[in-house]
């Protein structure tokens, strides 16, 4: 029999149908949470299906079933559980589509996903990663965030920050002294020597090393500038394959902002790993952590050097 391959969107819809068959309403979702008294440990057997609060018949203490879990304070459980289900199924669905399906505001759906991505980032950091500089991901940076530079394309980054993340980390003190004064515009040898504060012998040797490392570029008239490297030339075949797969993944999401790029990489990691999640695994990871506040989501910024997952 010929194998049938579903599109990304069709697979996501099928995954959600499977979720809804198991969790058709809020009452079904609530069954995931124990009816055990947090004060004395007594389990109440007869509990109304919609009851979020149980009254212990033994110690007379009230217990909120979702208290001290990732779901504490959530009015609706289904949307968050559905997103978790999609991640465990490695299904991809845009926030717009998800919001429409669950009849919630886009902002609500976005916050659900942003909080879950924080959990995924925490899980990814327990595994092996490689580091790539942020500008490698420019092709998929198509959305603005509150931190985007005014009147600039979302991909824009300050030149000083770009140069700083592209430099080599193994420079000695003499090389660092010269690197601090290198600029994108050519600087005369004599001027660079004077501001470095180094003896001429050490200065010449350190500058030569910066040239060999590709950090400094020599120009006519004995001038030097900070090299504008192409990040794509600094990565190997394995890294290029990870990028190719990540870019394909992001196409289904219609572009992202640089601010949350690291967390989208974490979501990508959760999807590409072979047998990364069995049913309930990601849910258990969520239960161990506190759900982020909206302010904490907004305060987050992806680092200049991004942790990129190995893919199987």
C-alpha atoms as a PDB file:
ATOM      1  CA  UNK A   1       0.000   0.000   0.000  1.00  0.00           C
ATOM      2  CA  UNK A   2       1.304   3.457  -0.875  1.00  0.00           C
ATOM      3  CA  UNK A   3       2.367   5.514   2.145  1.00  0.00           C
ATOM      4  CA  UNK A   4       0.405   8.751   2.591  1.00  0.00           C
ATOM      5  CA  UNK A   5       2.288  11.869   3.686  1.00  0.00           C
ATOM      6  CA  UNK A   6       0.231  14.669   5.190  1.00  0.00           C
ATOM      7  CA  UNK A   7       1.120  18.331   4.831  1.00  0.00           C
ATOM      8  CA  UNK A   8       2.358  20.119   7.956  1.00  0.00           C
ATOM      9  CA  UNK A   9      -1.008  21.819   8.456  1.00  0.00           C
ATOM     10  CA  UNK A  10      -3.013  18.649   7.811  1.00  0.00           C
ATOM     11  CA  UNK A  11      -0.863  16.743  10.302  1.00  0.00           C
ATOM     12  CA  UNK A  12      -1.397  19.483  12.909  1.00  0.00           C
ATOM     13  CA  UNK A  13      -5.175  19.348  12.397  1.00  0.00           C
ATOM     14  CA  UNK A  14      -5.136  15.576  12.741  1.00  0.00           C
ATOM     15  CA  UNK A  15      -3.092  15.898  15.932  1.00  0.00           C
ATOM     16  CA  UNK A  16      -5.622  18.351  17.361  1.00  0.00           C
ATOM     17  CA  UNK A  17      -8.496  16.016  16.487  1.00  0.00           C
ATOM     18  CA  UNK A  18      -6.732  13.287  18.452  1.00  0.00           C
ATOM     19  CA  UNK A  19      -6.361  15.705  21.352  1.00  0.00           C
ATOM     20  CA  UNK A  20     -10.037  16.674  21.272  1.00  0.00           C
ATOM     21  CA  UNK A  21     -11.127  13.050  21.213  1.00  0.00           C
ATOM     22  CA  UNK A  22      -9.316  12.568  24.526  1.00  0.00           C
ATOM     23  CA  UNK A  23      -9.956  16.016  26.008  1.00  0.00           C
ATOM     24  CA  UNK A  24     -13.276  17.227  24.544  1.00  0.00           C
ATOM     25  CA  UNK A  25     -13.927  19.799  27.275  1.00  0.00           C
ATOM     26  CA  UNK A  26     -12.516  21.499  30.358  1.00  0.00           C
ATOM     27  CA  UNK A  27     -13.835  18.766  32.653  1.00  0.00           C
ATOM     28  CA  UNK A  28     -11.800  16.153  30.784  1.00  0.00           C
ATOM     29  CA  UNK A  29      -8.697  18.330  31.085  1.00  0.00           C
ATOM     30  CA  UNK A  30      -9.260  18.777  34.813  1.00  0.00           C
ATOM     31  CA  UNK A  31      -9.037  15.003  35.324  1.00  0.00           C
ATOM     32  CA  UNK A  32      -5.269  15.323  34.824  1.00  0.00           C
ATOM     33  CA  UNK A  33      -5.021  17.026  38.195  1.00  0.00           C
ATOM     34  CA  UNK A  34      -5.177  15.003  41.422  1.00  0.00           C
ATOM     35  CA  UNK A  35      -7.930  15.257  43.994  1.00  0.00           C
ATOM     36  CA  UNK A  36      -5.476  14.826  46.847  1.00  0.00           C
ATOM     37  CA  UNK A  37      -5.447  17.262  49.760  1.00  0.00           C
ATOM     38  CA  UNK A  38      -2.153  19.143  49.729  1.00  0.00           C
ATOM     39  CA  UNK A  39      -2.284  19.569  53.508  1.00  0.00           C
ATOM     40  CA  UNK A  40      -2.793  15.991  54.749  1.00  0.00           C
ATOM     41  CA  UNK A  41      -2.506  13.844  51.612  1.00  0.00           C
ATOM     42  CA  UNK A  42      -6.028  12.433  51.826  1.00  0.00           C
ATOM     43  CA  UNK A  43      -7.501  11.601  48.414  1.00  0.00           C
ATOM     44  CA  UNK A  44     -11.106  12.530  47.835  1.00  0.00           C
ATOM     45  CA  UNK A  45     -12.831  10.042  45.564  1.00  0.00           C
ATOM     46  CA  UNK A  46     -16.184  11.689  44.867  1.00  0.00           C
ATOM     47  CA  UNK A  47     -15.437  15.016  43.184  1.00  0.00           C
ATOM     48  CA  UNK A  48     -17.625  16.945  40.738  1.00  0.00           C
ATOM     49  CA  UNK A  49     -16.146  16.844  37.246  1.00  0.00           C
ATOM     50  CA  UNK A  50     -15.873  20.636  37.068  1.00  0.00           C
ATOM     51  CA  UNK A  51     -14.601  21.175  40.617  1.00  0.00           C
ATOM     52  CA  UNK A  52     -11.281  22.985  40.769  1.00  0.00           C
ATOM     53  CA  UNK A  53     -11.400  23.257  44.551  1.00  0.00           C
ATOM     54  CA  UNK A  54     -11.782  20.266  46.840  1.00  0.00           C
ATOM     55  CA  UNK A  55     -12.754  20.371  50.509  1.00  0.00           C
ATOM     56  CA  UNK A  56     -10.881  17.753  52.479  1.00  0.00           C
ATOM     57  CA  UNK A  57     -13.241  15.664  54.621  1.00  0.00           C
ATOM     58  CA  UNK A  58     -10.373  14.750  56.926  1.00  0.00           C
ATOM     59  CA  UNK A  59      -8.613  18.051  57.757  1.00  0.00           C
ATOM     60  CA  UNK A  60     -11.253  20.462  56.387  1.00  0.00           C
ATOM     61  CA  UNK A  61      -8.644  22.238  54.239  1.00  0.00           C
ATOM     62  CA  UNK A  62      -9.437  23.652  50.799  1.00  0.00           C
ATOM     63  CA  UNK A  63      -7.136  22.583  47.967  1.00  0.00           C
ATOM     64  CA  UNK A  64      -6.981  24.091  44.493  1.00  0.00           C
ATOM     65  CA  UNK A  65      -6.215  21.195  42.157  1.00  0.00           C
ATOM     66  CA  UNK A  66      -4.013  23.256  39.823  1.00  0.00           C
ATOM     67  CA  UNK A  67      -2.185  25.043  42.658  1.00  0.00           C
ATOM     68  CA  UNK A  68       1.621  24.940  42.541  1.00  0.00           C
ATOM     69  CA  UNK A  69       1.579  23.679  38.957  1.00  0.00           C
ATOM     70  CA  UNK A  70       2.253  25.300  35.605  1.00  0.00           C
ATOM     71  CA  UNK A  71      -1.531  25.696  35.230  1.00  0.00           C
ATOM     72  CA  UNK A  72      -2.136  27.647  38.427  1.00  0.00           C
ATOM     73  CA  UNK A  73      -4.449  30.585  37.772  1.00  0.00           C
ATOM     74  CA  UNK A  74      -5.439  29.553  34.238  1.00  0.00           C
ATOM     75  CA  UNK A  75      -9.126  30.082  33.524  1.00  0.00           C
ATOM     76  CA  UNK A  76      -9.083  27.661  30.566  1.00  0.00           C
ATOM     77  CA  UNK A  77      -6.895  24.561  30.524  1.00  0.00           C
ATOM     78  CA  UNK A  78      -7.668  23.275  27.024  1.00  0.00           C
ATOM     79  CA  UNK A  79      -5.655  25.747  24.892  1.00  0.00           C
ATOM     80  CA  UNK A  80      -2.435  25.261  26.874  1.00  0.00           C
ATOM     81  CA  UNK A  81      -2.833  21.483  26.993  1.00  0.00           C
ATOM     82  CA  UNK A  82      -3.500  21.472  23.248  1.00  0.00           C
ATOM     83  CA  UNK A  83      -0.264  23.382  22.543  1.00  0.00           C
ATOM     84  CA  UNK A  84       1.621  20.911  24.728  1.00  0.00           C
ATOM     85  CA  UNK A  85       0.008  18.048  22.807  1.00  0.00           C
ATOM     86  CA  UNK A  86       1.098  19.592  19.484  1.00  0.00           C
ATOM     87  CA  UNK A  87       4.685  19.908  20.698  1.00  0.00           C
ATOM     88  CA  UNK A  88       4.694  16.285  21.845  1.00  0.00           C
ATOM     89  CA  UNK A  89       3.349  15.252  18.435  1.00  0.00           C
ATOM     90  CA  UNK A  90       5.968  17.467  16.737  1.00  0.00           C
ATOM     91  CA  UNK A  91       3.168  19.208  14.858  1.00  0.00           C
ATOM     92  CA  UNK A  92       3.529  22.763  13.522  1.00  0.00           C
ATOM     93  CA  UNK A  93       0.657  25.235  13.500  1.00  0.00           C
ATOM     94  CA  UNK A  94       0.740  29.015  13.269  1.00  0.00           C
ATOM     95  CA  UNK A  95      -0.489  31.065  16.216  1.00  0.00           C
ATOM     96  CA  UNK A  96      -3.165  32.638  14.009  1.00  0.00           C
ATOM     97  CA  UNK A  97      -4.634  29.246  13.116  1.00  0.00           C
ATOM     98  CA  UNK A  98      -4.471  28.038  16.700  1.00  0.00           C
ATOM     99  CA  UNK A  99      -6.236  31.153  18.016  1.00  0.00           C
ATOM    100  CA  UNK A 100      -8.978  30.702  15.432  1.00  0.00           C
ATOM    101  CA  UNK A 101      -9.512  27.027  16.251  1.00  0.00           C
ATOM    102  CA  UNK A 102      -9.833  27.619  20.003  1.00  0.00           C
ATOM    103  CA  UNK A 103     -11.728  30.890  19.682  1.00  0.00           C
ATOM    104  CA  UNK A 104      -9.176  32.886  21.653  1.00  0.00           C
ATOM    105  CA  UNK A 105      -7.421  36.179  20.944  1.00  0.00           C
ATOM    106  CA  UNK A 106      -4.141  36.108  19.030  1.00  0.00           C
ATOM    107  CA  UNK A 107      -2.404  37.717  22.028  1.00  0.00           C
ATOM    108  CA  UNK A 108      -3.634  34.918  24.289  1.00  0.00           C
ATOM    109  CA  UNK A 109      -2.410  32.209  21.912  1.00  0.00           C
ATOM    110  CA  UNK A 110       0.932  34.004  21.531  1.00  0.00           C
ATOM    111  CA  UNK A 111       1.439  34.128  25.314  1.00  0.00           C
ATOM    112  CA  UNK A 112       0.633  30.419  25.634  1.00  0.00           C
ATOM    113  CA  UNK A 113       3.273  29.535  23.049  1.00  0.00           C
ATOM    114  CA  UNK A 114       5.847  31.998  24.438  1.00  0.00           C
ATOM    115  CA  UNK A 115       5.556  30.462  27.900  1.00  0.00           C
ATOM    116  CA  UNK A 116       5.862  26.921  26.575  1.00  0.00           C
ATOM    117  CA  UNK A 117       8.931  27.895  24.555  1.00  0.00           C
ATOM    118  CA  UNK A 118      10.581  28.981  27.812  1.00  0.00           C
ATOM    119  CA  UNK A 119      10.082  25.441  29.140  1.00  0.00           C
ATOM    120  CA  UNK A 120      11.505  24.002  25.919  1.00  0.00           C
ATOM    121  CA  UNK A 121      14.556  26.255  26.180  1.00  0.00           C
ATOM    122  CA  UNK A 122      15.130  24.993  29.710  1.00  0.00           C
ATOM    123  CA  UNK A 123      14.924  21.383  28.472  1.00  0.00           C
ATOM    124  CA  UNK A 124      17.158  22.008  25.440  1.00  0.00           C
ATOM    125  CA  UNK A 125      19.937  23.393  27.637  1.00  0.00           C
ATOM    126  CA  UNK A 126      20.272  19.946  29.231  1.00  0.00           C
ATOM    127  CA  UNK A 127      21.470  18.554  25.894  1.00  0.00           C
ATOM    128  CA  UNK A 128      24.395  19.161  23.538  1.00  0.00           C
ATOM    129  CA  UNK A 129      24.213  22.345  21.484  1.00  0.00           C
ATOM    130  CA  UNK A 130      26.388  24.322  19.094  1.00  0.00           C
ATOM    131  CA  UNK A 131      26.733  28.115  19.070  1.00  0.00           C
ATOM    132  CA  UNK A 132      26.086  30.364  16.081  1.00  0.00           C
ATOM    133  CA  UNK A 133      26.008  34.141  15.883  1.00  0.00           C
ATOM    134  CA  UNK A 134      22.629  35.757  15.499  1.00  0.00           C
ATOM    135  CA  UNK A 135      23.117  37.254  12.023  1.00  0.00           C
ATOM    136  CA  UNK A 136      23.253  33.756  10.513  1.00  0.00           C
ATOM    137  CA  UNK A 137      19.481  33.706  11.001  1.00  0.00           C
ATOM    138  CA  UNK A 138      18.750  36.953   9.132  1.00  0.00           C
ATOM    139  CA  UNK A 139      16.746  35.201   6.347  1.00  0.00           C
ATOM    140  CA  UNK A 140      13.895  34.334   8.760  1.00  0.00           C
ATOM    141  CA  UNK A 141      13.818  37.585  10.768  1.00  0.00           C
ATOM    142  CA  UNK A 142      10.718  39.167   9.249  1.00  0.00           C
ATOM    143  CA  UNK A 143       8.692  40.403  12.219  1.00  0.00           C
ATOM    144  CA  UNK A 144       9.231  43.383  14.475  1.00  0.00           C
ATOM    145  CA  UNK A 145       9.248  43.322  18.277  1.00  0.00           C
ATOM    146  CA  UNK A 146       9.131  46.024  20.941  1.00  0.00           C
ATOM    147  CA  UNK A 147      12.945  46.059  20.824  1.00  0.00           C
ATOM    148  CA  UNK A 148      13.266  46.528  17.048  1.00  0.00           C
ATOM    149  CA  UNK A 149      15.095  49.687  15.957  1.00  0.00           C
ATOM    150  CA  UNK A 150      12.703  52.388  14.743  1.00  0.00           C
ATOM    151  CA  UNK A 151      12.536  52.950  10.974  1.00  0.00           C
ATOM    152  CA  UNK A 152      14.740  49.912  10.305  1.00  0.00           C
ATOM    153  CA  UNK A 153      13.986  46.464   8.887  1.00  0.00           C
ATOM    154  CA  UNK A 154      13.430  43.815  11.625  1.00  0.00           C
ATOM    155  CA  UNK A 155      16.712  42.171  10.609  1.00  0.00           C
ATOM    156  CA  UNK A 156      18.727  45.265  11.575  1.00  0.00           C
ATOM    157  CA  UNK A 157      21.361  44.947  14.284  1.00  0.00           C
ATOM    158  CA  UNK A 158      23.740  47.576  15.603  1.00  0.00           C
ATOM    159  CA  UNK A 159      27.136  47.317  13.847  1.00  0.00           C
ATOM    160  CA  UNK A 160      29.059  47.432  17.114  1.00  0.00           C
ATOM    161  CA  UNK A 161      27.113  44.457  18.453  1.00  0.00           C
ATOM    162  CA  UNK A 162      27.603  42.539  15.218  1.00  0.00           C
ATOM    163  CA  UNK A 163      31.352  43.066  15.266  1.00  0.00           C
ATOM    164  CA  UNK A 164      31.584  42.126  18.906  1.00  0.00           C
ATOM    165  CA  UNK A 165      29.922  38.745  18.498  1.00  0.00           C
ATOM    166  CA  UNK A 166      31.897  37.882  15.376  1.00  0.00           C
ATOM    167  CA  UNK A 167      35.344  38.283  16.929  1.00  0.00           C
ATOM    168  CA  UNK A 168      37.362  35.321  18.107  1.00  0.00           C
ATOM    169  CA  UNK A 169      37.229  34.560  21.828  1.00  0.00           C
ATOM    170  CA  UNK A 170      40.811  33.311  22.130  1.00  0.00           C
ATOM    171  CA  UNK A 171      42.594  36.652  21.649  1.00  0.00           C
ATOM    172  CA  UNK A 172      45.472  37.419  23.996  1.00  0.00           C
ATOM    173  CA  UNK A 173      45.749  40.751  25.838  1.00  0.00           C
ATOM    174  CA  UNK A 174      47.844  42.433  23.123  1.00  0.00           C
ATOM    175  CA  UNK A 175      45.418  41.389  20.386  1.00  0.00           C
ATOM    176  CA  UNK A 176      42.453  42.549  22.462  1.00  0.00           C
ATOM    177  CA  UNK A 177      44.117  45.941  22.988  1.00  0.00           C
ATOM    178  CA  UNK A 178      44.345  46.439  19.220  1.00  0.00           C
ATOM    179  CA  UNK A 179      40.930  44.914  18.491  1.00  0.00           C
ATOM    180  CA  UNK A 180      39.327  47.502  20.791  1.00  0.00           C
ATOM    181  CA  UNK A 181      40.400  50.283  18.416  1.00  0.00           C
ATOM    182  CA  UNK A 182      39.770  48.595  15.077  1.00  0.00           C
ATOM    183  CA  UNK A 183      36.810  50.063  13.198  1.00  0.00           C
ATOM    184  CA  UNK A 184      34.874  49.203  10.036  1.00  0.00           C
ATOM    185  CA  UNK A 185      36.570  52.244   8.467  1.00  0.00           C
ATOM    186  CA  UNK A 186      40.343  51.910   7.768  1.00  0.00           C
ATOM    187  CA  UNK A 187      42.674  53.340  10.455  1.00  0.00           C
ATOM    188  CA  UNK A 188      46.298  54.297   9.783  1.00  0.00           C
ATOM    189  CA  UNK A 189      49.004  52.045  11.220  1.00  0.00           C
ATOM    190  CA  UNK A 190      50.621  54.875  13.217  1.00  0.00           C
ATOM    191  CA  UNK A 191      47.344  55.985  14.791  1.00  0.00           C
ATOM    192  CA  UNK A 192      46.450  52.423  15.747  1.00  0.00           C
ATOM    193  CA  UNK A 193      49.909  51.915  17.248  1.00  0.00           C
ATOM    194  CA  UNK A 194      49.697  55.055  19.363  1.00  0.00           C
ATOM    195  CA  UNK A 195      46.290  54.305  20.885  1.00  0.00           C
ATOM    196  CA  UNK A 196      47.164  50.666  21.602  1.00  0.00           C
ATOM    197  CA  UNK A 197      49.824  51.613  24.170  1.00  0.00           C
ATOM    198  CA  UNK A 198      51.950  48.605  23.143  1.00  0.00           C
ATOM    199  CA  UNK A 199      55.675  48.481  22.304  1.00  0.00           C
ATOM    200  CA  UNK A 200      56.216  48.421  18.537  1.00  0.00           C
ATOM    201  CA  UNK A 201      57.407  44.808  18.522  1.00  0.00           C
ATOM    202  CA  UNK A 202      54.388  43.471  20.409  1.00  0.00           C
ATOM    203  CA  UNK A 203      52.053  45.700  18.419  1.00  0.00           C
ATOM    204  CA  UNK A 204      53.315  44.474  15.039  1.00  0.00           C
ATOM    205  CA  UNK A 205      53.169  40.823  16.108  1.00  0.00           C
ATOM    206  CA  UNK A 206      49.646  41.131  17.533  1.00  0.00           C
ATOM    207  CA  UNK A 207      48.365  43.005  14.468  1.00  0.00           C
ATOM    208  CA  UNK A 208      49.822  40.325  12.187  1.00  0.00           C
ATOM    209  CA  UNK A 209      47.970  37.662  14.208  1.00  0.00           C
ATOM    210  CA  UNK A 210      44.703  39.582  13.851  1.00  0.00           C
ATOM    211  CA  UNK A 211      45.237  39.601  10.098  1.00  0.00           C
ATOM    212  CA  UNK A 212      45.855  35.860  10.055  1.00  0.00           C
ATOM    213  CA  UNK A 213      42.722  35.264  12.152  1.00  0.00           C
ATOM    214  CA  UNK A 214      40.687  37.276   9.661  1.00  0.00           C
ATOM    215  CA  UNK A 215      39.760  39.890  12.257  1.00  0.00           C
ATOM    216  CA  UNK A 216      41.807  42.748  10.745  1.00  0.00           C
ATOM    217  CA  UNK A 217      42.018  43.652   7.053  1.00  0.00           C
ATOM    218  CA  UNK A 218      44.998  45.505   5.541  1.00  0.00           C
ATOM    219  CA  UNK A 219      44.308  48.336   3.066  1.00  0.00           C
ATOM    220  CA  UNK A 220      46.455  50.471   0.768  1.00  0.00           C
ATOM    221  CA  UNK A 221      48.454  53.148   2.574  1.00  0.00           C
ATOM    222  CA  UNK A 222      49.253  50.829   5.512  1.00  0.00           C
ATOM    223  CA  UNK A 223      45.751  51.121   6.967  1.00  0.00           C
ATOM    224  CA  UNK A 224      43.727  48.493   8.838  1.00  0.00           C
ATOM    225  CA  UNK A 225      40.025  47.919   9.475  1.00  0.00           C
ATOM    226  CA  UNK A 226      37.816  45.504  11.358  1.00  0.00           C
ATOM    227  CA  UNK A 227      36.913  42.690   8.995  1.00  0.00           C
ATOM    228  CA  UNK A 228      33.250  42.352   8.102  1.00  0.00           C
ATOM    229  CA  UNK A 229      33.047  38.572   8.045  1.00  0.00           C
ATOM    230  CA  UNK A 230      30.308  36.564   6.434  1.00  0.00           C
ATOM    231  CA  UNK A 231      28.972  34.339   9.243  1.00  0.00           C
ATOM    232  CA  UNK A 232      27.901  31.666   6.754  1.00  0.00           C
ATOM    233  CA  UNK A 233      31.575  31.083   5.953  1.00  0.00           C
ATOM    234  CA  UNK A 234      32.354  30.356   9.607  1.00  0.00           C
ATOM    235  CA  UNK A 235      30.154  27.268   9.928  1.00  0.00           C
ATOM    236  CA  UNK A 236      30.523  23.704   8.769  1.00  0.00           C
ATOM    237  CA  UNK A 237      28.326  21.224   6.931  1.00  0.00           C
ATOM    238  CA  UNK A 238      26.494  20.073  10.055  1.00  0.00           C
ATOM    239  CA  UNK A 239      25.605  23.624  11.070  1.00  0.00           C
ATOM    240  CA  UNK A 240      24.413  24.426   7.552  1.00  0.00           C
ATOM    241  CA  UNK A 241      22.096  21.408   7.631  1.00  0.00           C
ATOM    242  CA  UNK A 242      20.625  22.558  10.958  1.00  0.00           C
ATOM    243  CA  UNK A 243      20.025  26.015   9.476  1.00  0.00           C
ATOM    244  CA  UNK A 244      18.363  24.557   6.385  1.00  0.00           C
ATOM    245  CA  UNK A 245      15.939  22.549   8.499  1.00  0.00           C
ATOM    246  CA  UNK A 246      15.262  25.452  10.862  1.00  0.00           C
ATOM    247  CA  UNK A 247      14.504  27.836   7.989  1.00  0.00           C
ATOM    248  CA  UNK A 248      12.058  25.289   6.544  1.00  0.00           C
ATOM    249  CA  UNK A 249      10.402  24.983   9.960  1.00  0.00           C
ATOM    250  CA  UNK A 250      10.007  28.762  10.316  1.00  0.00           C
ATOM    251  CA  UNK A 251       8.313  29.026   6.897  1.00  0.00           C
ATOM    252  CA  UNK A 252       5.269  27.377   8.455  1.00  0.00           C
ATOM    253  CA  UNK A 253       5.192  30.147  11.073  1.00  0.00           C
ATOM    254  CA  UNK A 254       5.437  33.010   8.554  1.00  0.00           C
ATOM    255  CA  UNK A 255       8.571  34.606  10.012  1.00  0.00           C
ATOM    256  CA  UNK A 256       9.729  35.530  13.526  1.00  0.00           C
ATOM    257  CA  UNK A 257      11.411  38.404  15.384  1.00  0.00           C
ATOM    258  CA  UNK A 258      15.016  38.405  16.575  1.00  0.00           C
ATOM    259  CA  UNK A 259      13.908  38.991  20.182  1.00  0.00           C
ATOM    260  CA  UNK A 260      12.540  35.456  20.632  1.00  0.00           C
ATOM    261  CA  UNK A 261      14.795  33.650  18.153  1.00  0.00           C
ATOM    262  CA  UNK A 262      16.468  31.483  20.818  1.00  0.00           C
ATOM    263  CA  UNK A 263      13.125  30.174  22.009  1.00  0.00           C
ATOM    264  CA  UNK A 264      11.991  29.345  18.488  1.00  0.00           C
ATOM    265  CA  UNK A 265      15.202  27.332  18.192  1.00  0.00           C
ATOM    266  CA  UNK A 266      14.147  25.470  21.331  1.00  0.00           C
ATOM    267  CA  UNK A 267      10.721  24.747  19.819  1.00  0.00           C
ATOM    268  CA  UNK A 268      12.481  23.535  16.669  1.00  0.00           C
ATOM    269  CA  UNK A 269      14.668  21.251  18.796  1.00  0.00           C
ATOM    270  CA  UNK A 270      11.587  19.709  20.384  1.00  0.00           C
ATOM    271  CA  UNK A 271      10.225  18.913  16.948  1.00  0.00           C
ATOM    272  CA  UNK A 272      13.239  17.585  15.031  1.00  0.00           C
ATOM    273  CA  UNK A 273      14.566  15.120  17.590  1.00  0.00           C
ATOM    274  CA  UNK A 274      13.696  11.522  16.811  1.00  0.00           C
ATOM    275  CA  UNK A 275      11.344  10.287  19.561  1.00  0.00           C
ATOM    276  CA  UNK A 276      12.109  13.486  21.485  1.00  0.00           C
ATOM    277  CA  UNK A 277       8.819  13.425  23.364  1.00  0.00           C
ATOM    278  CA  UNK A 278       6.580  10.522  24.239  1.00  0.00           C
ATOM    279  CA  UNK A 279       3.031  11.383  25.240  1.00  0.00           C
ATOM    280  CA  UNK A 280       2.995  13.176  28.579  1.00  0.00           C
ATOM    281  CA  UNK A 281       6.748  13.857  28.721  1.00  0.00           C
ATOM    282  CA  UNK A 282       6.563  17.553  27.900  1.00  0.00           C
ATOM    283  CA  UNK A 283       3.532  17.924  30.151  1.00  0.00           C
ATOM    284  CA  UNK A 284       5.577  16.539  33.055  1.00  0.00           C
ATOM    285  CA  UNK A 285       8.364  19.015  32.277  1.00  0.00           C
ATOM    286  CA  UNK A 286       5.845  21.864  32.400  1.00  0.00           C
ATOM    287  CA  UNK A 287       4.432  20.694  35.707  1.00  0.00           C
ATOM    288  CA  UNK A 288       7.860  21.086  37.331  1.00  0.00           C
ATOM    289  CA  UNK A 289       8.139  24.773  36.438  1.00  0.00           C
ATOM    290  CA  UNK A 290       6.352  27.996  37.227  1.00  0.00           C
ATOM    291  CA  UNK A 291       4.527  29.655  34.346  1.00  0.00           C
ATOM    292  CA  UNK A 292       6.183  32.928  33.316  1.00  0.00           C
ATOM    293  CA  UNK A 293       4.388  36.220  33.820  1.00  0.00           C
ATOM    294  CA  UNK A 294       3.660  38.447  30.831  1.00  0.00           C
ATOM    295  CA  UNK A 295       6.297  40.893  32.079  1.00  0.00           C
ATOM    296  CA  UNK A 296       8.930  38.143  32.140  1.00  0.00           C
ATOM    297  CA  UNK A 297       8.061  37.228  28.560  1.00  0.00           C
ATOM    298  CA  UNK A 298       8.535  40.829  27.427  1.00  0.00           C
ATOM    299  CA  UNK A 299      11.820  41.177  29.337  1.00  0.00           C
ATOM    300  CA  UNK A 300      13.357  38.229  27.487  1.00  0.00           C
ATOM    301  CA  UNK A 301      15.910  38.824  24.726  1.00  0.00           C
ATOM    302  CA  UNK A 302      17.758  36.215  22.690  1.00  0.00           C
ATOM    303  CA  UNK A 303      21.527  36.222  23.264  1.00  0.00           C
ATOM    304  CA  UNK A 304      23.958  37.394  20.580  1.00  0.00           C
ATOM    305  CA  UNK A 305      25.387  33.876  20.395  1.00  0.00           C
ATOM    306  CA  UNK A 306      22.542  31.449  19.951  1.00  0.00           C
ATOM    307  CA  UNK A 307      22.495  27.914  21.284  1.00  0.00           C
ATOM    308  CA  UNK A 308      21.511  25.712  18.373  1.00  0.00           C
ATOM    309  CA  UNK A 309      20.424  22.085  18.873  1.00  0.00           C
ATOM    310  CA  UNK A 310      22.050  19.141  17.199  1.00  0.00           C
ATOM    311  CA  UNK A 311      19.556  17.358  14.986  1.00  0.00           C
ATOM    312  CA  UNK A 312      19.293  13.615  14.473  1.00  0.00           C
END
